[in-house]
Amino acid sequence: VGDALEQADGAERLALIRYLGEIGDRRAVTELCSLLGAVSDAEGAAVTEALRQAGATAIPALCRMLGEGRTNAEDHAVRLLGEIGDGRCAVA
């Protein structure tokens, strides 16, 4: 999947991102998280929506992103965790 995302562009890449959200398994979520904060605005919106669609499946991967040092990606991860509404990553 990663190779297909790297080789795709434009509408094809957006379709792949949306498809990963529909699949919603851990591998798909991992691919989506790798794109979070590192793509164009249109692709970023599609990645965010795809992770939102994955819901609770995305939580472990989003939690792992915190503290990685990718500030933009971490900001997106925090917002998504808040939207999904799971407290597993909440600070005590």
Protein backbone atom coordinates (compact mmCIF):
# COMPACT_ATOMS: atom_id res chain seq x y z
CA VAL A 1 0.00 0.00 0.00
CA GLY A 2 2.78 2.41 0.89
CA ASP A 3 4.35 2.07 -2.57
CA ALA A 4 1.00 2.68 -4.24
CA LEU A 5 0.53 5.86 -2.20
CA GLU A 6 4.01 7.09 -3.10
CA GLN A 7 3.48 6.46 -6.80
CA ALA A 8 -0.06 7.83 -7.00
CA ASP A 9 -0.88 11.48 -7.42
CA GLY A 10 -3.93 13.72 -7.53
CA ALA A 11 -7.31 12.04 -7.56
CA GLU A 12 -5.81 8.55 -7.49
CA ARG A 13 -3.91 9.32 -4.28
CA LEU A 14 -7.03 10.82 -2.66
CA ALA A 15 -9.00 7.71 -3.63
CA LEU A 16 -6.35 5.48 -2.03
CA ILE A 17 -6.43 7.54 1.17
CA ARG A 18 -10.22 7.26 1.34
CA TYR A 19 -10.03 3.53 0.65
CA LEU A 20 -7.61 3.06 3.57
CA GLY A 21 -10.16 4.76 5.81
CA GLU A 22 -12.84 2.38 4.60
CA ILE A 23 -10.62 -0.62 5.32
CA GLY A 24 -9.87 0.80 8.77
CA ASP A 25 -7.59 -2.01 9.94
CA ARG A 26 -4.30 -1.46 11.80
CA ARG A 27 -2.14 -1.61 8.67
CA ALA A 28 -4.32 0.95 6.89
CA VAL A 29 -4.29 3.20 9.96
CA THR A 30 -0.48 2.96 10.18
CA GLU A 31 -0.18 4.09 6.55
CA LEU A 32 -2.59 6.96 7.17
CA CYS A 33 -0.70 8.07 10.29
CA SER A 34 2.55 8.18 8.33
CA LEU A 35 0.89 10.75 6.05
CA LEU A 36 -0.61 12.85 8.83
CA GLY A 37 0.79 16.37 8.75
CA ALA A 38 3.09 15.65 5.80
CA VAL A 39 0.80 16.03 2.80
CA SER A 40 -1.05 18.75 0.90
CA ASP A 41 -4.12 20.38 2.44
CA ALA A 42 -6.54 18.35 0.31
CA GLU A 43 -4.73 15.10 1.11
CA GLY A 44 -4.46 16.10 4.76
CA ALA A 45 -8.21 16.59 4.96
CA ALA A 46 -8.72 13.17 3.37
CA VAL A 47 -6.25 11.55 5.80
CA THR A 48 -7.97 13.20 8.77
CA GLU A 49 -11.39 12.04 7.58
CA ALA A 50 -10.10 8.52 6.91
CA LEU A 51 -8.63 8.28 10.44
CA ARG A 52 -11.84 9.69 11.90
CA GLN A 53 -13.72 7.01 9.97
CA ALA A 54 -11.39 4.31 11.36
CA GLY A 55 -12.43 5.47 14.84
CA ALA A 56 -11.26 3.39 17.78
CA THR A 57 -8.96 1.33 15.54
CA ALA A 58 -6.87 4.47 15.00
CA ILE A 59 -6.38 5.25 18.70
CA PRO A 60 -3.25 3.15 19.42
CA ALA A 61 -1.44 4.48 16.34
CA LEU A 62 -2.45 8.07 17.12
CA CYS A 63 -1.27 7.68 20.71
CA ARG A 64 2.10 6.36 19.50
CA MET A 65 2.51 9.50 17.41
CA LEU A 66 2.54 11.71 20.50
CA GLY A 67 6.07 12.61 21.47
CA GLU A 68 7.61 11.62 18.13
CA GLY A 69 8.78 15.16 17.51
CA ARG A 70 6.67 15.69 14.39
CA THR A 71 4.83 18.71 15.77
CA ASN A 72 2.37 19.17 12.92
CA ALA A 73 1.46 15.46 12.92
CA GLU A 74 1.15 15.45 16.71
CA ASP A 75 -1.24 18.42 16.57
CA HIS A 76 -3.44 16.51 14.13
CA ALA A 77 -3.23 13.36 16.28
CA VAL A 78 -4.32 15.25 19.41
CA ARG A 79 -7.29 16.77 17.58
CA LEU A 80 -8.33 13.41 16.19
CA LEU A 81 -8.04 11.72 19.58
CA GLY A 82 -10.31 14.42 21.01
CA GLU A 83 -12.82 13.95 18.20
CA ILE A 84 -12.83 10.18 18.51
CA GLY A 85 -13.42 10.69 22.23
CA ASP A 86 -11.36 7.96 23.80
CA GLY A 87 -9.46 8.64 27.04
CA ARG A 88 -6.68 6.10 26.58
CA CYS A 89 -4.17 8.87 25.86
CA ALA A 90 -5.52 11.34 28.40
CA VAL A 91 -3.01 12.97 30.71
CA ALA A 92 -3.74 12.19 34.33
